[in-house]
Amino acid sequence: MGCVVNGPGEAKSAALGVAGGRGQGTLFKAGKVIKKFDEKDLLQVLVEQVEREVQ
């Protein structure tokens, strides 16, 4: 969803969001941090979370 600078602010208004930068990714749900991970895993983490949400 955004970079390390703007992503957290943008994620506050999203049901689900990610931000990445400086080698780290962050997953947000309803504006709250729910997981931090290696940036290289960003897509995988996002896809897994979306799949959990639709089940």
C-alpha atoms as a PDB file:
ATOM      1  CA  MET A   1       0.000   0.000   0.000  1.00  0.00           C
ATOM      2  CA  GLY A   2       2.771   2.433   0.738  1.00  0.00           C
ATOM      3  CA  CYS A   3       6.329   3.165   1.643  1.00  0.00           C
ATOM      4  CA  VAL A   4       7.790   3.199   5.138  1.00  0.00           C
ATOM      5  CA  VAL A   5       7.068   6.947   5.413  1.00  0.00           C
ATOM      6  CA  ASN A   6       3.500   7.232   4.070  1.00  0.00           C
ATOM      7  CA  GLY A   7       2.277   3.635   4.388  1.00  0.00           C
ATOM      8  CA  PRO A   8       1.324   3.690   8.067  1.00  0.00           C
ATOM      9  CA  GLY A   9      -0.810   6.801   7.624  1.00  0.00           C
ATOM     10  CA  GLU A  10      -2.426   5.429   4.485  1.00  0.00           C
ATOM     11  CA  ALA A  11      -3.113   2.084   6.183  1.00  0.00           C
ATOM     12  CA  LYS A  12      -5.170   3.740   8.929  1.00  0.00           C
ATOM     13  CA  SER A  13      -8.114   4.093   6.563  1.00  0.00           C
ATOM     14  CA  ALA A  14      -7.737   0.641   4.953  1.00  0.00           C
ATOM     15  CA  ALA A  15      -9.212  -2.666   6.038  1.00  0.00           C
ATOM     16  CA  LEU A  16      -5.892  -4.295   5.139  1.00  0.00           C
ATOM     17  CA  GLY A  17      -2.621  -2.660   4.135  1.00  0.00           C
ATOM     18  CA  VAL A  18       1.122  -3.143   3.818  1.00  0.00           C
ATOM     19  CA  ALA A  19       4.081  -0.818   3.978  1.00  0.00           C
ATOM     20  CA  GLY A  20       7.666  -1.643   3.159  1.00  0.00           C
ATOM     21  CA  GLY A  21      11.089  -0.108   3.226  1.00  0.00           C
ATOM     22  CA  ARG A  22      14.597  -0.513   4.594  1.00  0.00           C
ATOM     23  CA  GLY A  23      14.326  -4.290   4.358  1.00  0.00           C
ATOM     24  CA  GLN A  24      11.246  -4.579   6.565  1.00  0.00           C
ATOM     25  CA  GLY A  25       7.554  -4.938   5.790  1.00  0.00           C
ATOM     26  CA  THR A  26       4.588  -4.226   8.025  1.00  0.00           C
ATOM     27  CA  LEU A  27       1.075  -5.626   7.733  1.00  0.00           C
ATOM     28  CA  PHE A  28      -1.807  -3.470   8.984  1.00  0.00           C
ATOM     29  CA  LYS A  29      -5.386  -4.456   9.689  1.00  0.00           C
ATOM     30  CA  ALA A  30      -7.883  -1.677  10.376  1.00  0.00           C
ATOM     31  CA  GLY A  31      -4.963   0.711  10.855  1.00  0.00           C
ATOM     32  CA  LYS A  32      -3.187  -1.403  13.493  1.00  0.00           C
ATOM     33  CA  VAL A  33       0.111  -3.231  13.057  1.00  0.00           C
ATOM     34  CA  ILE A  34      -0.501  -6.961  13.127  1.00  0.00           C
ATOM     35  CA  LYS A  35       2.782  -8.307  11.780  1.00  0.00           C
ATOM     36  CA  LYS A  36       6.311  -7.227  10.868  1.00  0.00           C
ATOM     37  CA  PHE A  37       8.400  -9.300   8.471  1.00  0.00           C
ATOM     38  CA  ASP A  38      11.265  -9.236   5.962  1.00  0.00           C
ATOM     39  CA  GLU A  39      10.420  -6.942   3.059  1.00  0.00           C
ATOM     40  CA  LYS A  40      11.196  -9.720   0.560  1.00  0.00           C
ATOM     41  CA  ASP A  41       8.161 -11.615   1.948  1.00  0.00           C
ATOM     42  CA  LEU A  42       5.729  -8.704   1.511  1.00  0.00           C
ATOM     43  CA  LEU A  43       3.662 -10.185  -1.321  1.00  0.00           C
ATOM     44  CA  GLN A  44       3.465 -13.622   0.290  1.00  0.00           C
ATOM     45  CA  VAL A  45       2.360 -12.196   3.649  1.00  0.00           C
ATOM     46  CA  LEU A  46      -0.280 -10.009   1.985  1.00  0.00           C
ATOM     47  CA  VAL A  47      -1.688 -12.857  -0.116  1.00  0.00           C
ATOM     48  CA  GLU A  48      -1.846 -15.178   2.908  1.00  0.00           C
ATOM     49  CA  GLN A  49      -3.695 -12.546   4.946  1.00  0.00           C
ATOM     50  CA  VAL A  50      -6.185 -11.847   2.152  1.00  0.00           C
ATOM     51  CA  GLU A  51      -6.861 -15.576   1.847  1.00  0.00           C
ATOM     52  CA  ARG A  52      -7.520 -15.765   5.611  1.00  0.00           C
ATOM     53  CA  GLU A  53      -9.889 -12.803   5.405  1.00  0.00           C
ATOM     54  CA  VAL A  54     -12.057 -14.320   2.665  1.00  0.00           C
ATOM     55  CA  GLN A  55     -12.498 -17.688   4.391  1.00  0.00           C
END
